Amino acid sequence: MDPVLLAKSGDTLLDVQAVQVLVEELLPLATLVTPNLPEATVLFGPELPTHLPLLLKGGIVKARP
């Protein structure tokens, strides 16, 4: 699943409630979640979840322990 949350201009494409539904209901059903780094920040905040199969796009990410 490629969650498209932000336009290239930085404008948000989903409201806060829709993002919450995406995180709680749809992402757990995905085989692979492929957000870019700004989208991952909107979805998860500073801590990446360990229960989702993530492929982050763009930038440098700290390795998980």
PDB file of N, CA and C in Angstrom:
ATOM      1  N   MET A   1       0.848  -1.157   0.000  1.00  0.00           N
ATOM      2  CA  MET A   1       0.000   0.000   0.000  1.00  0.00           C
ATOM      3  C   MET A   1       0.900   1.228   0.000  1.00  0.00           C
ATOM      4  N   ASP A   2       0.651   2.128  -0.905  1.00  0.00           N
ATOM      5  CA  ASP A   2       1.391   3.388  -0.968  1.00  0.00           C
ATOM      6  C   ASP A   2       0.464   4.502  -0.501  1.00  0.00           C
ATOM      7  N   PRO A   3       0.577   4.898   0.765  1.00  0.00           N
ATOM      8  CA  PRO A   3      -0.299   5.953   1.267  1.00  0.00           C
ATOM      9  C   PRO A   3       0.132   7.316   0.755  1.00  0.00           C
ATOM     10  N   VAL A   4      -0.684   7.920  -0.071  1.00  0.00           N
ATOM     11  CA  VAL A   4      -0.383   9.249  -0.609  1.00  0.00           C
ATOM     12  C   VAL A   4      -1.085  10.262   0.282  1.00  0.00           C
ATOM     13  N   LEU A   5      -0.288  10.953   1.103  1.00  0.00           N
ATOM     14  CA  LEU A   5      -0.843  11.870   2.088  1.00  0.00           C
ATOM     15  C   LEU A   5      -0.507  13.325   1.820  1.00  0.00           C
ATOM     16  N   LEU A   6       0.587  13.552   1.101  1.00  0.00           N
ATOM     17  CA  LEU A   6       1.078  14.909   0.905  1.00  0.00           C
ATOM     18  C   LEU A   6       1.314  15.181  -0.572  1.00  0.00           C
ATOM     19  N   ALA A   7       0.932  16.375  -1.006  1.00  0.00           N
ATOM     20  CA  ALA A   7       1.226  16.818  -2.359  1.00  0.00           C
ATOM     21  C   ALA A   7       2.687  17.257  -2.423  1.00  0.00           C
ATOM     22  N   LYS A   8       3.242  17.361  -3.617  1.00  0.00           N
ATOM     23  CA  LYS A   8       4.621  17.835  -3.764  1.00  0.00           C
ATOM     24  C   LYS A   8       4.818  19.207  -3.140  1.00  0.00           C
ATOM     25  N   SER A   9       3.762  20.000  -3.101  1.00  0.00           N
ATOM     26  CA  SER A   9       3.829  21.334  -2.509  1.00  0.00           C
ATOM     27  C   SER A   9       3.882  21.271  -0.981  1.00  0.00           C
ATOM     28  N   GLY A  10       3.602  20.081  -0.407  1.00  0.00           N
ATOM     29  CA  GLY A  10       3.569  19.929   1.041  1.00  0.00           C
ATOM     30  C   GLY A  10       2.164  19.997   1.614  1.00  0.00           C
ATOM     31  N   ASP A  11       1.188  20.314   0.767  1.00  0.00           N
ATOM     32  CA  ASP A  11      -0.199  20.373   1.232  1.00  0.00           C
ATOM     33  C   ASP A  11      -0.689  18.971   1.595  1.00  0.00           C
ATOM     34  N   THR A  12      -1.495  18.877   2.653  1.00  0.00           N
ATOM     35  CA  THR A  12      -2.046  17.588   3.048  1.00  0.00           C
ATOM     36  C   THR A  12      -3.218  17.220   2.150  1.00  0.00           C
ATOM     37  N   LEU A  13      -3.330  15.934   1.855  1.00  0.00           N
ATOM     38  CA  LEU A  13      -4.389  15.441   0.980  1.00  0.00           C
ATOM     39  C   LEU A  13      -5.480  14.704   1.752  1.00  0.00           C
ATOM     40  N   LEU A  14      -5.215  14.373   3.016  1.00  0.00           N
ATOM     41  CA  LEU A  14      -6.204  13.706   3.857  1.00  0.00           C
ATOM     42  C   LEU A  14      -6.340  14.462   5.169  1.00  0.00           C
ATOM     43  N   ASP A  15      -7.553  14.483   5.709  1.00  0.00           N
ATOM     44  CA  ASP A  15      -7.716  15.129   7.015  1.00  0.00           C
ATOM     45  C   ASP A  15      -7.259  14.179   8.125  1.00  0.00           C
ATOM     46  N   VAL A  16      -7.166  14.690   9.325  1.00  0.00           N
ATOM     47  CA  VAL A  16      -6.622  13.949  10.457  1.00  0.00           C
ATOM     48  C   VAL A  16      -7.412  12.673  10.729  1.00  0.00           C
ATOM     49  N   GLN A  17      -8.719  12.737  10.640  1.00  0.00           N
ATOM     50  CA  GLN A  17      -9.549  11.548  10.899  1.00  0.00           C
ATOM     51  C   GLN A  17      -9.305  10.463   9.856  1.00  0.00           C
ATOM     52  N   ALA A  18      -9.117  10.840   8.613  1.00  0.00           N
ATOM     53  CA  ALA A  18      -8.850   9.865   7.559  1.00  0.00           C
ATOM     54  C   ALA A  18      -7.494   9.196   7.772  1.00  0.00           C
ATOM     55  N   VAL A  19      -6.506   9.962   8.216  1.00  0.00           N
ATOM     56  CA  VAL A  19      -5.184   9.391   8.502  1.00  0.00           C
ATOM     57  C   VAL A  19      -5.295   8.389   9.646  1.00  0.00           C
ATOM     58  N   GLN A  20      -6.070   8.713  10.661  1.00  0.00           N
ATOM     59  CA  GLN A  20      -6.261   7.810  11.796  1.00  0.00           C
ATOM     60  C   GLN A  20      -6.894   6.490  11.341  1.00  0.00           C
ATOM     61  N   VAL A  21      -7.897   6.559  10.490  1.00  0.00           N
ATOM     62  CA  VAL A  21      -8.533   5.343   9.962  1.00  0.00           C
ATOM     63  C   VAL A  21      -7.528   4.549   9.137  1.00  0.00           C
ATOM     64  N   LEU A  22      -6.741   5.233   8.337  1.00  0.00           N
ATOM     65  CA  LEU A  22      -5.721   4.574   7.526  1.00  0.00           C
ATOM     66  C   LEU A  22      -4.759   3.787   8.411  1.00  0.00           C
ATOM     67  N   VAL A  23      -4.264   4.414   9.468  1.00  0.00           N
ATOM     68  CA  VAL A  23      -3.294   3.783  10.366  1.00  0.00           C
ATOM     69  C   VAL A  23      -3.929   2.624  11.139  1.00  0.00           C
ATOM     70  N   GLU A  24      -5.118   2.826  11.638  1.00  0.00           N
ATOM     71  CA  GLU A  24      -5.733   1.827  12.509  1.00  0.00           C
ATOM     72  C   GLU A  24      -6.415   0.683  11.760  1.00  0.00           C
ATOM     73  N   GLU A  25      -6.984   0.966  10.592  1.00  0.00           N
ATOM     74  CA  GLU A  25      -7.803  -0.031   9.906  1.00  0.00           C
ATOM     75  C   GLU A  25      -7.174  -0.621   8.641  1.00  0.00           C
ATOM     76  N   LEU A  26      -6.551   0.210   7.825  1.00  0.00           N
ATOM     77  CA  LEU A  26      -6.077  -0.272   6.526  1.00  0.00           C
ATOM     78  C   LEU A  26      -4.631  -0.773   6.535  1.00  0.00           C
ATOM     79  N   LEU A  27      -3.733  -0.027   7.157  1.00  0.00           N
ATOM     80  CA  LEU A  27      -2.325  -0.421   7.133  1.00  0.00           C
ATOM     81  C   LEU A  27      -2.072  -1.799   7.749  1.00  0.00           C
ATOM     82  N   PRO A  28      -2.763  -2.179   8.836  1.00  0.00           N
ATOM     83  CA  PRO A  28      -2.536  -3.525   9.376  1.00  0.00           C
ATOM     84  C   PRO A  28      -2.909  -4.650   8.401  1.00  0.00           C
ATOM     85  N   LEU A  29      -3.703  -4.359   7.391  1.00  0.00           N
ATOM     86  CA  LEU A  29      -4.088  -5.364   6.403  1.00  0.00           C
ATOM     87  C   LEU A  29      -3.104  -5.465   5.251  1.00  0.00           C
ATOM     88  N   ALA A  30      -2.190  -4.526   5.144  1.00  0.00           N
ATOM     89  CA  ALA A  30      -1.280  -4.456   4.000  1.00  0.00           C
ATOM     90  C   ALA A  30      -0.145  -5.466   4.108  1.00  0.00           C
ATOM     91  N   THR A  31       0.261  -5.975   2.962  1.00  0.00           N
ATOM     92  CA  THR A  31       1.419  -6.858   2.874  1.00  0.00           C
ATOM     93  C   THR A  31       2.707  -6.043   2.968  1.00  0.00           C
ATOM     94  N   LEU A  32       2.686  -4.837   2.402  1.00  0.00           N
ATOM     95  CA  LEU A  32       3.832  -3.928   2.434  1.00  0.00           C
ATOM     96  C   LEU A  32       3.306  -2.502   2.397  1.00  0.00           C
ATOM     97  N   VAL A  33       3.875  -1.636   3.233  1.00  0.00           N
ATOM     98  CA  VAL A  33       3.494  -0.220   3.284  1.00  0.00           C
ATOM     99  C   VAL A  33       4.699   0.576   2.809  1.00  0.00           C
ATOM    100  N   THR A  34       4.505   1.468   1.813  1.00  0.00           N
ATOM    101  CA  THR A  34       5.620   2.165   1.181  1.00  0.00           C
ATOM    102  C   THR A  34       5.482   3.685   1.224  1.00  0.00           C
ATOM    103  N   PRO A  35       5.466   4.271   2.420  1.00  0.00           N
ATOM    104  CA  PRO A  35       5.393   5.735   2.479  1.00  0.00           C
ATOM    105  C   PRO A  35       6.766   6.354   2.221  1.00  0.00           C
ATOM    106  N   ASN A  36       6.767   7.625   1.781  1.00  0.00           N
ATOM    107  CA  ASN A  36       8.031   8.344   1.782  1.00  0.00           C
ATOM    108  C   ASN A  36       8.233   8.890   3.201  1.00  0.00           C
ATOM    109  N   LEU A  37       9.392   9.456   3.469  1.00  0.00           N
ATOM    110  CA  LEU A  37       9.692   9.885   4.839  1.00  0.00           C
ATOM    111  C   LEU A  37       8.716  10.916   5.389  1.00  0.00           C
ATOM    112  N   PRO A  38       8.334  11.953   4.627  1.00  0.00           N
ATOM    113  CA  PRO A  38       7.345  12.889   5.177  1.00  0.00           C
ATOM    114  C   PRO A  38       5.997  12.214   5.481  1.00  0.00           C
ATOM    115  N   GLU A  39       5.575  11.281   4.632  1.00  0.00           N
ATOM    116  CA  GLU A  39       4.321  10.569   4.884  1.00  0.00           C
ATOM    117  C   GLU A  39       4.436   9.670   6.115  1.00  0.00           C
ATOM    118  N   ALA A  40       5.583   9.027   6.291  1.00  0.00           N
ATOM    119  CA  ALA A  40       5.797   8.185   7.465  1.00  0.00           C
ATOM    120  C   ALA A  40       5.722   9.010   8.740  1.00  0.00           C
ATOM    121  N   THR A  41       6.233  10.226   8.690  1.00  0.00           N
ATOM    122  CA  THR A  41       6.168  11.111   9.855  1.00  0.00           C
ATOM    123  C   THR A  41       4.724  11.466  10.176  1.00  0.00           C
ATOM    124  N   VAL A  42       3.916  11.737   9.160  1.00  0.00           N
ATOM    125  CA  VAL A  42       2.497  12.032   9.381  1.00  0.00           C
ATOM    126  C   VAL A  42       1.787  10.810   9.947  1.00  0.00           C
ATOM    127  N   LEU A  43       2.091   9.648   9.421  1.00  0.00           N
ATOM    128  CA  LEU A  43       1.415   8.426   9.848  1.00  0.00           C
ATOM    129  C   LEU A  43       1.810   7.973  11.246  1.00  0.00           C
ATOM    130  N   PHE A  44       3.116   8.029  11.548  1.00  0.00           N
ATOM    131  CA  PHE A  44       3.615   7.366  12.747  1.00  0.00           C
ATOM    132  C   PHE A  44       4.316   8.280  13.735  1.00  0.00           C
ATOM    133  N   GLY A  45       4.574   9.522  13.374  1.00  0.00           N
ATOM    134  CA  GLY A  45       5.360  10.382  14.243  1.00  0.00           C
ATOM    135  C   GLY A  45       6.829   9.992  14.164  1.00  0.00           C
ATOM    136  N   PRO A  46       7.595  10.295  15.209  1.00  0.00           N
ATOM    137  CA  PRO A  46       9.034  10.050  15.149  1.00  0.00           C
ATOM    138  C   PRO A  46       9.428   8.580  15.303  1.00  0.00           C
ATOM    139  N   GLU A  47       8.555   7.745  15.840  1.00  0.00           N
ATOM    140  CA  GLU A  47       8.875   6.331  16.060  1.00  0.00           C
ATOM    141  C   GLU A  47       8.182   5.461  15.017  1.00  0.00           C
ATOM    142  N   LEU A  48       8.965   4.682  14.285  1.00  0.00           N
ATOM    143  CA  LEU A  48       8.388   3.781  13.295  1.00  0.00           C
ATOM    144  C   LEU A  48       7.819   2.547  13.983  1.00  0.00           C
ATOM    145  N   PRO A  49       6.682   2.073  13.520  1.00  0.00           N
ATOM    146  CA  PRO A  49       6.107   0.876  14.133  1.00  0.00           C
ATOM    147  C   PRO A  49       6.921  -0.360  13.764  1.00  0.00           C
ATOM    148  N   THR A  50       6.989  -1.298  14.670  1.00  0.00           N
ATOM    149  CA  THR A  50       7.715  -2.544  14.398  1.00  0.00           C
ATOM    150  C   THR A  50       6.783  -3.654  13.932  1.00  0.00           C
ATOM    151  N   HIS A  51       5.479  -3.413  13.975  1.00  0.00           N
ATOM    152  CA  HIS A  51       4.508  -4.444  13.619  1.00  0.00           C
ATOM    153  C   HIS A  51       4.054  -4.380  12.162  1.00  0.00           C
ATOM    154  N   LEU A  52       4.557  -3.404  11.392  1.00  0.00           N
ATOM    155  CA  LEU A  52       4.164  -3.266   9.987  1.00  0.00           C
ATOM    156  C   LEU A  52       5.353  -3.525   9.073  1.00  0.00           C
ATOM    157  N   PRO A  53       5.104  -4.166   7.924  1.00  0.00           N
ATOM    158  CA  PRO A  53       6.175  -4.333   6.937  1.00  0.00           C
ATOM    159  C   PRO A  53       6.350  -3.017   6.166  1.00  0.00           C
ATOM    160  N   LEU A  54       7.423  -2.291   6.453  1.00  0.00           N
ATOM    161  CA  LEU A  54       7.636  -0.964   5.879  1.00  0.00           C
ATOM    162  C   LEU A  54       8.794  -0.956   4.889  1.00  0.00           C
ATOM    163  N   LEU A  55       8.599  -0.228   3.807  1.00  0.00           N
ATOM    164  CA  LEU A  55       9.666   0.106   2.874  1.00  0.00           C
ATOM    165  C   LEU A  55       9.606   1.615   2.732  1.00  0.00           C
ATOM    166  N   LEU A  56      10.502   2.308   3.437  1.00  0.00           N
ATOM    167  CA  LEU A  56      10.502   3.770   3.413  1.00  0.00           C
ATOM    168  C   LEU A  56      11.258   4.271   2.198  1.00  0.00           C
ATOM    169  N   LYS A  57      10.730   5.329   1.595  1.00  0.00           N
ATOM    170  CA  LYS A  57      11.332   5.900   0.404  1.00  0.00           C
ATOM    171  C   LYS A  57      11.880   7.283   0.711  1.00  0.00           C
ATOM    172  N   GLY A  58      13.086   7.555   0.281  1.00  0.00           N
ATOM    173  CA  GLY A  58      13.659   8.890   0.375  1.00  0.00           C
ATOM    174  C   GLY A  58      14.267   9.223   1.721  1.00  0.00           C
ATOM    175  N   GLY A  59      15.571   9.478   1.758  1.00  0.00           N
ATOM    176  CA  GLY A  59      16.217   9.934   2.972  1.00  0.00           C
ATOM    177  C   GLY A  59      16.961   8.842   3.714  1.00  0.00           C
ATOM    178  N   ILE A  60      17.465   9.205   4.865  1.00  0.00           N
ATOM    179  CA  ILE A  60      18.233   8.281   5.705  1.00  0.00           C
ATOM    180  C   ILE A  60      17.385   7.923   6.921  1.00  0.00           C
ATOM    181  N   VAL A  61      17.327   6.661   7.252  1.00  0.00           N
ATOM    182  CA  VAL A  61      16.535   6.177   8.374  1.00  0.00           C
ATOM    183  C   VAL A  61      17.441   5.388   9.299  1.00  0.00           C
ATOM    184  N   LYS A  62      17.276   5.575  10.607  1.00  0.00           N
ATOM    185  CA  LYS A  62      18.015   4.776  11.569  1.00  0.00           C
ATOM    186  C   LYS A  62      17.563   3.325  11.496  1.00  0.00           C
ATOM    187  N   ALA A  63      18.503   2.420  11.655  1.00  0.00           N
ATOM    188  CA  ALA A  63      18.168   0.989  11.665  1.00  0.00           C
ATOM    189  C   ALA A  63      17.394   0.664  12.929  1.00  0.00           C
ATOM    190  N   ARG A  64      16.473  -0.263  12.816  1.00  0.00           N
ATOM    191  CA  ARG A  64      15.723  -0.728  13.974  1.00  0.00           C
ATOM    192  C   ARG A  64      16.614  -1.650  14.797  1.00  0.00           C
ATOM    193  N   PRO A  65      16.453  -1.624  16.122  1.00  0.00           N
ATOM    194  CA  PRO A  65      17.244  -2.541  16.968  1.00  0.00           C
ATOM    195  C   PRO A  65      16.817  -3.979  16.770  1.00  0.00           C
TER     196      PRO A  65
END
